Amino acid sequence: MLYEWFSVTRTIGLIAYTVALVVCLSALLGWARGRRDLETGMTLIALAGLQLALLLDKAFNWRWQIHEYWMRAAMVEGVYGRRRPFQLVVLGVLAAGLIAGAVWILHRFRRRPGLRIAIVGTLLSVGLWGCEAVSYHYFDRVLFFEVGHAMFVSFLWAGCALLTTIGVWRNGPRKFKSR
């Protein structure tokens, strides 16, 4: 059991989201010293909160607990075998939401390239979380493909966390002043 908790896949996710969380919190502290741009402060609070939630999810497997709850409910109702079309609909809605969210973010933060990168990175992390929670068989085959001693999904987690980290760094303390 302890060996499973310290898998390479989980360790990559824990490290990636810890780094993203620390960078978000550091930027938030830098913002708090100046307190000039409320939008940046609120964005950093949201990013830090989501990075914390993603980190805790990697530690406690909440996405799989949610998946297992719905799987058991479907089995009790006798509809588990017919879940695939529903999963596709949920993934389609998730994809549409991600696209709409990304378009909105790119427009809303067009003058804030660092925040754009950070928010899109976090949005992609949330979308990946959703894909894992839905656990559509064909996506799972790709996400959980072993690359060395880790699953491919861990590199996606790291990439999303890296986007968030780069975006927050790019936003930087020098940009906390009001415009």
N, C-alpha and C. Protein backbone atom coordinates (compact mmCIF):
# COMPACT_ATOMS: atom_id res chain seq x y z
N MET A 1 0.83 -1.20 0.00
CA MET A 1 0.00 0.00 0.00
C MET A 1 0.87 1.27 0.00
N LEU A 2 1.89 1.32 0.87
CA LEU A 2 2.77 2.48 0.92
C LEU A 2 3.52 2.64 -0.39
N TYR A 3 3.93 1.52 -0.98
CA TYR A 3 4.63 1.55 -2.27
C TYR A 3 3.73 2.17 -3.33
N GLU A 4 2.45 1.83 -3.31
CA GLU A 4 1.50 2.38 -4.28
C GLU A 4 1.37 3.90 -4.11
N TRP A 5 1.37 4.36 -2.85
CA TRP A 5 1.22 5.78 -2.60
C TRP A 5 2.42 6.56 -3.13
N PHE A 6 3.60 5.96 -3.06
CA PHE A 6 4.80 6.63 -3.53
C PHE A 6 5.19 6.20 -4.94
N SER A 7 4.23 6.00 -5.79
CA SER A 7 4.54 5.62 -7.17
C SER A 7 5.21 6.80 -7.88
N VAL A 8 5.94 6.50 -8.93
CA VAL A 8 6.59 7.55 -9.71
C VAL A 8 5.54 8.50 -10.28
N THR A 9 4.45 7.94 -10.77
CA THR A 9 3.38 8.76 -11.36
C THR A 9 2.85 9.76 -10.33
N ARG A 10 2.49 9.28 -9.16
CA ARG A 10 1.96 10.16 -8.13
C ARG A 10 3.00 11.17 -7.68
N THR A 11 4.23 10.74 -7.54
CA THR A 11 5.31 11.64 -7.10
C THR A 11 5.49 12.79 -8.08
N ILE A 12 5.44 12.50 -9.37
CA ILE A 12 5.55 13.56 -10.39
C ILE A 12 4.41 14.56 -10.21
N GLY A 13 3.19 14.07 -10.02
CA GLY A 13 2.05 14.96 -9.82
C GLY A 13 2.17 15.78 -8.56
N LEU A 14 2.60 15.14 -7.47
CA LEU A 14 2.75 15.86 -6.21
C LEU A 14 3.80 16.96 -6.32
N ILE A 15 4.92 16.65 -6.95
CA ILE A 15 5.99 17.64 -7.11
C ILE A 15 5.51 18.78 -8.01
N ALA A 16 4.89 18.43 -9.14
CA ALA A 16 4.46 19.45 -10.11
C ALA A 16 3.48 20.43 -9.48
N TYR A 17 2.46 19.92 -8.80
CA TYR A 17 1.45 20.81 -8.23
C TYR A 17 1.95 21.51 -6.97
N THR A 18 2.92 20.93 -6.26
CA THR A 18 3.52 21.62 -5.13
C THR A 18 4.30 22.84 -5.62
N VAL A 19 5.09 22.65 -6.68
CA VAL A 19 5.86 23.77 -7.24
C VAL A 19 4.91 24.87 -7.72
N ALA A 20 3.86 24.48 -8.45
CA ALA A 20 2.90 25.48 -8.95
C ALA A 20 2.23 26.21 -7.78
N LEU A 21 1.88 25.48 -6.72
CA LEU A 21 1.25 26.10 -5.56
C LEU A 21 2.21 27.08 -4.88
N VAL A 22 3.45 26.67 -4.68
CA VAL A 22 4.44 27.54 -4.03
C VAL A 22 4.65 28.81 -4.84
N VAL A 23 4.74 28.68 -6.15
CA VAL A 23 4.94 29.85 -7.00
C VAL A 23 3.72 30.78 -6.91
N CYS A 24 2.52 30.20 -6.93
CA CYS A 24 1.30 31.01 -6.81
C CYS A 24 1.25 31.73 -5.46
N LEU A 25 1.58 31.01 -4.39
CA LEU A 25 1.57 31.63 -3.06
C LEU A 25 2.63 32.70 -2.94
N SER A 26 3.80 32.46 -3.51
CA SER A 26 4.87 33.47 -3.50
C SER A 26 4.43 34.72 -4.24
N ALA A 27 3.81 34.55 -5.39
CA ALA A 27 3.31 35.69 -6.15
C ALA A 27 2.21 36.42 -5.39
N LEU A 28 1.38 35.65 -4.70
CA LEU A 28 0.30 36.24 -3.91
C LEU A 28 0.87 37.09 -2.77
N LEU A 29 1.92 36.60 -2.14
CA LEU A 29 2.58 37.40 -1.09
C LEU A 29 3.17 38.68 -1.68
N GLY A 30 3.79 38.56 -2.85
CA GLY A 30 4.32 39.75 -3.53
C GLY A 30 3.22 40.73 -3.87
N TRP A 31 2.10 40.22 -4.31
CA TRP A 31 0.96 41.09 -4.63
C TRP A 31 0.46 41.76 -3.35
N ALA A 32 0.39 41.01 -2.26
CA ALA A 32 -0.16 41.55 -1.00
C ALA A 32 0.67 42.73 -0.49
N ARG A 33 1.94 42.75 -0.79
CA ARG A 33 2.78 43.87 -0.36
C ARG A 33 2.41 45.17 -1.08
N GLY A 34 1.99 45.05 -2.34
CA GLY A 34 1.65 46.23 -3.11
C GLY A 34 0.17 46.52 -3.15
N ARG A 35 -0.65 45.51 -3.22
CA ARG A 35 -2.13 45.61 -3.24
C ARG A 35 -2.64 46.70 -4.17
N ARG A 36 -2.18 46.70 -5.36
CA ARG A 36 -2.61 47.75 -6.27
C ARG A 36 -3.63 47.27 -7.29
N ASP A 37 -3.58 46.00 -7.62
CA ASP A 37 -4.43 45.47 -8.68
C ASP A 37 -5.27 44.32 -8.12
N LEU A 38 -6.52 44.63 -7.79
CA LEU A 38 -7.41 43.64 -7.18
C LEU A 38 -7.63 42.44 -8.09
N GLU A 39 -7.74 42.68 -9.40
CA GLU A 39 -7.96 41.58 -10.34
C GLU A 39 -6.82 40.56 -10.28
N THR A 40 -5.60 41.03 -10.23
CA THR A 40 -4.46 40.12 -10.13
C THR A 40 -4.50 39.36 -8.82
N GLY A 41 -4.79 40.03 -7.73
CA GLY A 41 -4.87 39.37 -6.43
C GLY A 41 -5.92 38.28 -6.41
N MET A 42 -7.10 38.59 -6.92
CA MET A 42 -8.18 37.60 -6.94
C MET A 42 -7.81 36.42 -7.85
N THR A 43 -7.16 36.71 -8.97
CA THR A 43 -6.74 35.66 -9.88
C THR A 43 -5.70 34.76 -9.21
N LEU A 44 -4.75 35.35 -8.52
CA LEU A 44 -3.72 34.57 -7.82
C LEU A 44 -4.33 33.72 -6.70
N ILE A 45 -5.32 34.26 -6.00
CA ILE A 45 -6.00 33.48 -4.96
C ILE A 45 -6.69 32.28 -5.60
N ALA A 46 -7.38 32.51 -6.71
CA ALA A 46 -8.07 31.40 -7.39
C ALA A 46 -7.08 30.36 -7.90
N LEU A 47 -5.99 30.82 -8.51
CA LEU A 47 -4.98 29.89 -9.01
C LEU A 47 -4.37 29.07 -7.87
N ALA A 48 -4.02 29.74 -6.77
CA ALA A 48 -3.44 29.03 -5.62
C ALA A 48 -4.44 28.02 -5.06
N GLY A 49 -5.69 28.40 -4.96
CA GLY A 49 -6.72 27.49 -4.46
C GLY A 49 -6.88 26.26 -5.34
N LEU A 50 -6.89 26.48 -6.64
CA LEU A 50 -7.01 25.35 -7.56
C LEU A 50 -5.76 24.47 -7.55
N GLN A 51 -4.58 25.08 -7.44
CA GLN A 51 -3.36 24.27 -7.36
C GLN A 51 -3.36 23.44 -6.08
N LEU A 52 -3.85 24.01 -4.98
CA LEU A 52 -3.95 23.26 -3.73
C LEU A 52 -4.92 22.09 -3.89
N ALA A 53 -6.07 22.35 -4.50
CA ALA A 53 -7.05 21.28 -4.71
C ALA A 53 -6.47 20.17 -5.60
N LEU A 54 -5.75 20.55 -6.64
CA LEU A 54 -5.14 19.55 -7.53
C LEU A 54 -4.05 18.77 -6.80
N LEU A 55 -3.28 19.45 -5.96
CA LEU A 55 -2.26 18.77 -5.17
C LEU A 55 -2.90 17.77 -4.21
N LEU A 56 -3.94 18.20 -3.50
CA LEU A 56 -4.62 17.29 -2.58
C LEU A 56 -5.27 16.12 -3.32
N ASP A 57 -5.76 16.39 -4.52
CA ASP A 57 -6.33 15.31 -5.33
C ASP A 57 -5.27 14.26 -5.66
N LYS A 58 -4.07 14.72 -5.99
CA LYS A 58 -2.99 13.76 -6.28
C LYS A 58 -2.65 12.96 -5.03
N ALA A 59 -2.71 13.59 -3.87
CA ALA A 59 -2.38 12.91 -2.62
C ALA A 59 -3.47 11.92 -2.20
N PHE A 60 -4.74 12.29 -2.41
CA PHE A 60 -5.83 11.48 -1.86
C PHE A 60 -6.73 10.83 -2.91
N ASN A 61 -6.41 10.99 -4.18
CA ASN A 61 -7.16 10.34 -5.27
C ASN A 61 -8.65 10.65 -5.27
N TRP A 62 -8.99 11.90 -5.03
CA TRP A 62 -10.41 12.26 -5.02
C TRP A 62 -11.09 11.97 -6.34
N ARG A 63 -10.39 12.18 -7.47
CA ARG A 63 -11.03 11.94 -8.76
C ARG A 63 -11.44 10.49 -8.90
N TRP A 64 -10.65 9.58 -8.33
CA TRP A 64 -11.00 8.17 -8.43
C TRP A 64 -12.09 7.79 -7.44
N GLN A 65 -12.16 8.47 -6.32
CA GLN A 65 -13.26 8.23 -5.39
C GLN A 65 -14.59 8.68 -6.01
N ILE A 66 -14.56 9.80 -6.71
CA ILE A 66 -15.77 10.27 -7.41
C ILE A 66 -16.14 9.29 -8.50
N HIS A 67 -15.15 8.85 -9.28
CA HIS A 67 -15.41 7.88 -10.35
C HIS A 67 -16.01 6.60 -9.77
N GLU A 68 -15.42 6.12 -8.69
CA GLU A 68 -15.91 4.87 -8.09
C GLU A 68 -17.33 5.03 -7.55
N TYR A 69 -17.66 6.18 -6.99
CA TYR A 69 -19.02 6.44 -6.50
C TYR A 69 -20.02 6.30 -7.65
N TRP A 70 -19.73 6.98 -8.77
CA TRP A 70 -20.65 6.93 -9.90
C TRP A 70 -20.69 5.54 -10.53
N MET A 71 -19.56 4.84 -10.54
CA MET A 71 -19.53 3.49 -11.08
C MET A 71 -20.42 2.57 -10.24
N ARG A 72 -20.31 2.64 -8.93
CA ARG A 72 -21.15 1.80 -8.06
C ARG A 72 -22.63 2.16 -8.21
N ALA A 73 -22.92 3.46 -8.31
CA ALA A 73 -24.32 3.88 -8.49
C ALA A 73 -24.87 3.32 -9.80
N ALA A 74 -24.06 3.35 -10.85
CA ALA A 74 -24.50 2.80 -12.14
C ALA A 74 -24.71 1.30 -12.05
N MET A 75 -23.86 0.61 -11.31
CA MET A 75 -24.02 -0.84 -11.15
C MET A 75 -25.29 -1.17 -10.38
N VAL A 76 -25.58 -0.40 -9.33
CA VAL A 76 -26.79 -0.61 -8.54
C VAL A 76 -28.03 -0.42 -9.42
N GLU A 77 -27.98 0.59 -10.28
CA GLU A 77 -29.11 0.88 -11.17
C GLU A 77 -29.15 -0.05 -12.38
N GLY A 78 -28.12 -0.84 -12.56
CA GLY A 78 -28.07 -1.78 -13.69
C GLY A 78 -27.77 -1.11 -15.02
N VAL A 79 -27.12 0.06 -15.01
CA VAL A 79 -26.85 0.77 -16.26
C VAL A 79 -25.34 0.91 -16.53
N TYR A 80 -24.54 0.20 -15.76
CA TYR A 80 -23.09 0.33 -15.91
C TYR A 80 -22.63 -0.02 -17.32
N GLY A 81 -23.21 -1.03 -17.92
CA GLY A 81 -22.83 -1.46 -19.26
C GLY A 81 -23.18 -0.44 -20.34
N ARG A 82 -24.09 0.48 -20.03
CA ARG A 82 -24.51 1.50 -21.02
C ARG A 82 -23.92 2.87 -20.71
N ARG A 83 -22.81 2.91 -20.02
CA ARG A 83 -22.24 4.18 -19.59
C ARG A 83 -21.47 4.91 -20.67
N ARG A 84 -20.97 4.20 -21.68
CA ARG A 84 -20.08 4.82 -22.67
C ARG A 84 -20.70 6.03 -23.40
N PRO A 85 -21.93 5.94 -23.88
CA PRO A 85 -22.49 7.15 -24.53
C PRO A 85 -22.58 8.33 -23.56
N PHE A 86 -22.95 8.06 -22.32
CA PHE A 86 -23.03 9.13 -21.33
C PHE A 86 -21.65 9.71 -21.08
N GLN A 87 -20.63 8.87 -20.98
CA GLN A 87 -19.27 9.36 -20.78
C GLN A 87 -18.85 10.26 -21.94
N LEU A 88 -19.20 9.87 -23.15
CA LEU A 88 -18.85 10.70 -24.32
C LEU A 88 -19.54 12.06 -24.27
N VAL A 89 -20.78 12.07 -23.85
CA VAL A 89 -21.51 13.34 -23.73
C VAL A 89 -20.83 14.22 -22.68
N VAL A 90 -20.50 13.64 -21.54
CA VAL A 90 -19.83 14.40 -20.47
C VAL A 90 -18.49 14.93 -20.97
N LEU A 91 -17.72 14.10 -21.67
CA LEU A 91 -16.43 14.55 -22.20
C LEU A 91 -16.62 15.64 -23.26
N GLY A 92 -17.68 15.53 -24.07
CA GLY A 92 -17.97 16.57 -25.05
C GLY A 92 -18.31 17.90 -24.39
N VAL A 93 -19.12 17.85 -23.34
CA VAL A 93 -19.46 19.06 -22.59
C VAL A 93 -18.20 19.63 -21.93
N LEU A 94 -17.38 18.76 -21.38
CA LEU A 94 -16.12 19.19 -20.77
C LEU A 94 -15.22 19.87 -21.81
N ALA A 95 -15.09 19.27 -22.97
CA ALA A 95 -14.26 19.85 -24.04
C ALA A 95 -14.82 21.21 -24.48
N ALA A 96 -16.13 21.29 -24.64
CA ALA A 96 -16.75 22.56 -25.04
C ALA A 96 -16.52 23.62 -23.97
N GLY A 97 -16.63 23.24 -22.71
CA GLY A 97 -16.37 24.17 -21.61
C GLY A 97 -14.92 24.63 -21.58
N LEU A 98 -14.00 23.71 -21.84
CA LEU A 98 -12.58 24.07 -21.87
C LEU A 98 -12.29 25.03 -23.01
N ILE A 99 -12.85 24.77 -24.17
CA ILE A 99 -12.63 25.64 -25.32
C ILE A 99 -13.23 27.02 -25.06
N ALA A 100 -14.47 27.05 -24.56
CA ALA A 100 -15.11 28.33 -24.27
C ALA A 100 -14.34 29.09 -23.19
N GLY A 101 -13.90 28.36 -22.16
CA GLY A 101 -13.12 29.00 -21.10
C GLY A 101 -11.80 29.56 -21.61
N ALA A 102 -11.12 28.79 -22.46
CA ALA A 102 -9.85 29.25 -23.01
C ALA A 102 -10.04 30.49 -23.89
N VAL A 103 -11.08 30.48 -24.71
CA VAL A 103 -11.35 31.64 -25.57
C VAL A 103 -11.65 32.86 -24.71
N TRP A 104 -12.46 32.69 -23.67
CA TRP A 104 -12.79 33.80 -22.79
C TRP A 104 -11.53 34.33 -22.09
N ILE A 105 -10.70 33.41 -21.58
CA ILE A 105 -9.46 33.80 -20.89
C ILE A 105 -8.54 34.55 -21.85
N LEU A 106 -8.37 34.03 -23.05
CA LEU A 106 -7.49 34.68 -24.02
C LEU A 106 -7.97 36.08 -24.35
N HIS A 107 -9.28 36.27 -24.40
CA HIS A 107 -9.84 37.60 -24.66
C HIS A 107 -9.74 38.49 -23.42
N ARG A 108 -10.21 37.98 -22.29
CA ARG A 108 -10.30 38.76 -21.05
C ARG A 108 -8.93 39.24 -20.56
N PHE A 109 -7.92 38.40 -20.72
CA PHE A 109 -6.59 38.73 -20.21
C PHE A 109 -5.61 39.00 -21.36
N ARG A 110 -6.11 39.56 -22.44
CA ARG A 110 -5.27 39.78 -23.62
C ARG A 110 -4.09 40.71 -23.36
N ARG A 111 -4.23 41.58 -22.39
CA ARG A 111 -3.12 42.48 -22.05
C ARG A 111 -2.29 41.96 -20.88
N ARG A 112 -2.57 40.76 -20.44
CA ARG A 112 -1.87 40.15 -19.30
C ARG A 112 -1.38 38.76 -19.73
N PRO A 113 -0.37 38.68 -20.58
CA PRO A 113 0.06 37.39 -21.13
C PRO A 113 0.48 36.37 -20.07
N GLY A 114 1.09 36.83 -18.98
CA GLY A 114 1.48 35.90 -17.93
C GLY A 114 0.27 35.24 -17.29
N LEU A 115 -0.72 36.06 -16.94
CA LEU A 115 -1.93 35.50 -16.34
C LEU A 115 -2.67 34.60 -17.33
N ARG A 116 -2.66 34.96 -18.59
CA ARG A 116 -3.30 34.10 -19.61
C ARG A 116 -2.69 32.71 -19.59
N ILE A 117 -1.37 32.64 -19.61
CA ILE A 117 -0.68 31.35 -19.61
C ILE A 117 -1.01 30.58 -18.33
N ALA A 118 -0.95 31.26 -17.19
CA ALA A 118 -1.20 30.61 -15.90
C ALA A 118 -2.62 30.07 -15.80
N ILE A 119 -3.59 30.88 -16.22
CA ILE A 119 -4.99 30.45 -16.11
C ILE A 119 -5.28 29.32 -17.09
N VAL A 120 -4.76 29.41 -18.29
CA VAL A 120 -4.98 28.32 -19.26
C VAL A 120 -4.31 27.04 -18.76
N GLY A 121 -3.13 27.13 -18.17
CA GLY A 121 -2.48 25.94 -17.61
C GLY A 121 -3.34 25.29 -16.54
N THR A 122 -3.91 26.11 -15.67
CA THR A 122 -4.78 25.59 -14.62
C THR A 122 -6.08 25.05 -15.21
N LEU A 123 -6.63 25.73 -16.20
CA LEU A 123 -7.83 25.24 -16.86
C LEU A 123 -7.58 23.86 -17.49
N LEU A 124 -6.44 23.69 -18.12
CA LEU A 124 -6.10 22.39 -18.70
C LEU A 124 -5.94 21.32 -17.61
N SER A 125 -5.39 21.70 -16.46
CA SER A 125 -5.29 20.76 -15.33
C SER A 125 -6.67 20.31 -14.87
N VAL A 126 -7.59 21.25 -14.77
CA VAL A 126 -8.95 20.92 -14.35
C VAL A 126 -9.62 20.03 -15.40
N GLY A 127 -9.39 20.32 -16.67
CA GLY A 127 -9.94 19.47 -17.73
C GLY A 127 -9.37 18.07 -17.69
N LEU A 128 -8.09 17.95 -17.44
CA LEU A 128 -7.46 16.64 -17.31
C LEU A 128 -8.03 15.89 -16.12
N TRP A 129 -8.23 16.61 -15.02
CA TRP A 129 -8.87 16.02 -13.84
C TRP A 129 -10.24 15.45 -14.22
N GLY A 130 -11.00 16.24 -14.98
CA GLY A 130 -12.33 15.79 -15.40
C GLY A 130 -12.25 14.54 -16.28
N CYS A 131 -11.30 14.52 -17.20
CA CYS A 131 -11.13 13.33 -18.06
C CYS A 131 -10.83 12.09 -17.23
N GLU A 132 -9.99 12.26 -16.22
CA GLU A 132 -9.67 11.12 -15.36
C GLU A 132 -10.88 10.69 -14.54
N ALA A 133 -11.65 11.64 -14.05
CA ALA A 133 -12.82 11.30 -13.24
C ALA A 133 -13.87 10.57 -14.07
N VAL A 134 -14.05 10.99 -15.32
CA VAL A 134 -15.01 10.32 -16.21
C VAL A 134 -14.49 8.94 -16.59
N SER A 135 -13.20 8.83 -16.82
CA SER A 135 -12.52 7.56 -17.07
C SER A 135 -13.11 6.78 -18.25
N TYR A 136 -13.11 7.44 -19.39
CA TYR A 136 -13.54 6.78 -20.62
C TYR A 136 -12.41 5.83 -21.06
N HIS A 137 -12.77 4.59 -21.34
CA HIS A 137 -11.79 3.52 -21.57
C HIS A 137 -10.70 3.90 -22.57
N TYR A 138 -11.07 4.47 -23.69
CA TYR A 138 -10.08 4.76 -24.73
C TYR A 138 -9.13 5.90 -24.33
N PHE A 139 -9.63 6.87 -23.58
CA PHE A 139 -8.76 7.92 -23.06
C PHE A 139 -7.82 7.34 -22.00
N ASP A 140 -8.38 6.47 -21.16
CA ASP A 140 -7.57 5.85 -20.11
C ASP A 140 -6.39 5.07 -20.70
N ARG A 141 -6.60 4.44 -21.83
CA ARG A 141 -5.51 3.68 -22.45
C ARG A 141 -4.35 4.61 -22.82
N VAL A 142 -4.66 5.83 -23.21
CA VAL A 142 -3.61 6.80 -23.55
C VAL A 142 -3.03 7.41 -22.27
N LEU A 143 -3.90 7.88 -21.38
CA LEU A 143 -3.43 8.56 -20.18
C LEU A 143 -2.58 7.66 -19.28
N PHE A 144 -2.92 6.39 -19.22
CA PHE A 144 -2.25 5.50 -18.28
C PHE A 144 -1.24 4.58 -18.96
N PHE A 145 -0.83 4.96 -20.16
CA PHE A 145 0.23 4.25 -20.86
C PHE A 145 1.54 4.50 -20.11
N GLU A 146 2.29 3.44 -19.87
CA GLU A 146 3.53 3.57 -19.12
C GLU A 146 4.66 4.11 -19.99
N VAL A 147 5.30 5.15 -19.49
CA VAL A 147 6.47 5.74 -20.12
C VAL A 147 7.58 5.61 -19.08
N GLY A 148 8.46 4.67 -19.26
CA GLY A 148 9.44 4.38 -18.21
C GLY A 148 8.71 3.78 -17.03
N HIS A 149 8.88 4.39 -15.87
CA HIS A 149 8.20 3.90 -14.67
C HIS A 149 7.00 4.76 -14.29
N ALA A 150 6.66 5.70 -15.14
CA ALA A 150 5.54 6.60 -14.86
C ALA A 150 4.48 6.45 -15.95
N MET A 151 3.28 6.87 -15.62
CA MET A 151 2.21 6.90 -16.61
C MET A 151 2.25 8.22 -17.36
N PHE A 152 1.81 8.20 -18.60
CA PHE A 152 1.83 9.38 -19.46
C PHE A 152 1.10 10.55 -18.81
N VAL A 153 0.03 10.28 -18.07
CA VAL A 153 -0.76 11.33 -17.45
C VAL A 153 0.09 12.19 -16.51
N SER A 154 1.09 11.59 -15.87
CA SER A 154 1.91 12.37 -14.94
C SER A 154 2.68 13.47 -15.68
N PHE A 155 3.07 13.21 -16.92
CA PHE A 155 3.77 14.22 -17.70
C PHE A 155 2.80 15.32 -18.16
N LEU A 156 1.55 14.94 -18.37
CA LEU A 156 0.53 15.95 -18.68
C LEU A 156 0.28 16.84 -17.47
N TRP A 157 0.19 16.22 -16.28
CA TRP A 157 0.03 17.01 -15.05
C TRP A 157 1.19 17.99 -14.92
N ALA A 158 2.41 17.48 -15.11
CA ALA A 158 3.60 18.32 -14.97
C ALA A 158 3.59 19.46 -16.00
N GLY A 159 3.17 19.17 -17.22
CA GLY A 159 3.10 20.20 -18.25
C GLY A 159 2.10 21.28 -17.92
N CYS A 160 0.93 20.88 -17.42
CA CYS A 160 -0.09 21.86 -17.03
C CYS A 160 0.39 22.71 -15.86
N ALA A 161 0.98 22.07 -14.86
CA ALA A 161 1.51 22.80 -13.71
C ALA A 161 2.64 23.74 -14.14
N LEU A 162 3.45 23.29 -15.09
CA LEU A 162 4.54 24.13 -15.60
C LEU A 162 3.99 25.36 -16.31
N LEU A 163 2.92 25.21 -17.08
CA LEU A 163 2.30 26.38 -17.73
C LEU A 163 1.84 27.38 -16.67
N THR A 164 1.20 26.88 -15.63
CA THR A 164 0.75 27.76 -14.56
C THR A 164 1.94 28.47 -13.92
N THR A 165 2.99 27.72 -13.63
CA THR A 165 4.18 28.28 -13.00
C THR A 165 4.83 29.35 -13.89
N ILE A 166 5.01 29.03 -15.15
CA ILE A 166 5.61 29.99 -16.09
C ILE A 166 4.75 31.25 -16.20
N GLY A 167 3.45 31.06 -16.28
CA GLY A 167 2.56 32.22 -16.38
C GLY A 167 2.62 33.13 -15.18
N VAL A 168 2.63 32.53 -14.00
CA VAL A 168 2.71 33.34 -12.77
C VAL A 168 4.06 34.04 -12.71
N TRP A 169 5.13 33.33 -13.04
CA TRP A 169 6.46 33.97 -13.06
C TRP A 169 6.51 35.10 -14.07
N ARG A 170 5.92 34.86 -15.23
CA ARG A 170 5.94 35.88 -16.28
C ARG A 170 5.15 37.11 -15.84
N ASN A 171 4.09 36.90 -15.11
CA ASN A 171 3.32 38.03 -14.59
C ASN A 171 4.18 38.85 -13.64
N GLY A 172 4.93 38.16 -12.79
CA GLY A 172 5.96 38.74 -11.93
C GLY A 172 5.54 39.89 -11.05
N PRO A 173 6.27 40.12 -9.98
CA PRO A 173 5.94 41.19 -9.03
C PRO A 173 6.02 42.58 -9.64
N ARG A 174 6.86 42.77 -10.64
CA ARG A 174 6.97 44.10 -11.24
C ARG A 174 5.69 44.49 -11.97
N LYS A 175 4.81 43.54 -12.21
CA LYS A 175 3.59 43.83 -12.95
C LYS A 175 2.37 43.94 -12.02
N PHE A 176 2.59 43.98 -10.71
CA PHE A 176 1.47 44.07 -9.78
C PHE A 176 0.95 45.49 -9.63
N LYS A 177 1.66 46.45 -10.18
CA LYS A 177 1.23 47.83 -10.09
C LYS A 177 0.02 48.07 -10.99
N SER A 178 -0.80 49.01 -10.60
CA SER A 178 -2.01 49.26 -11.40
C SER A 178 -1.64 49.87 -12.75
N ARG A 179 -2.50 49.66 -13.66
CA ARG A 179 -2.26 50.12 -15.04
C ARG A 179 -3.14 51.30 -15.34
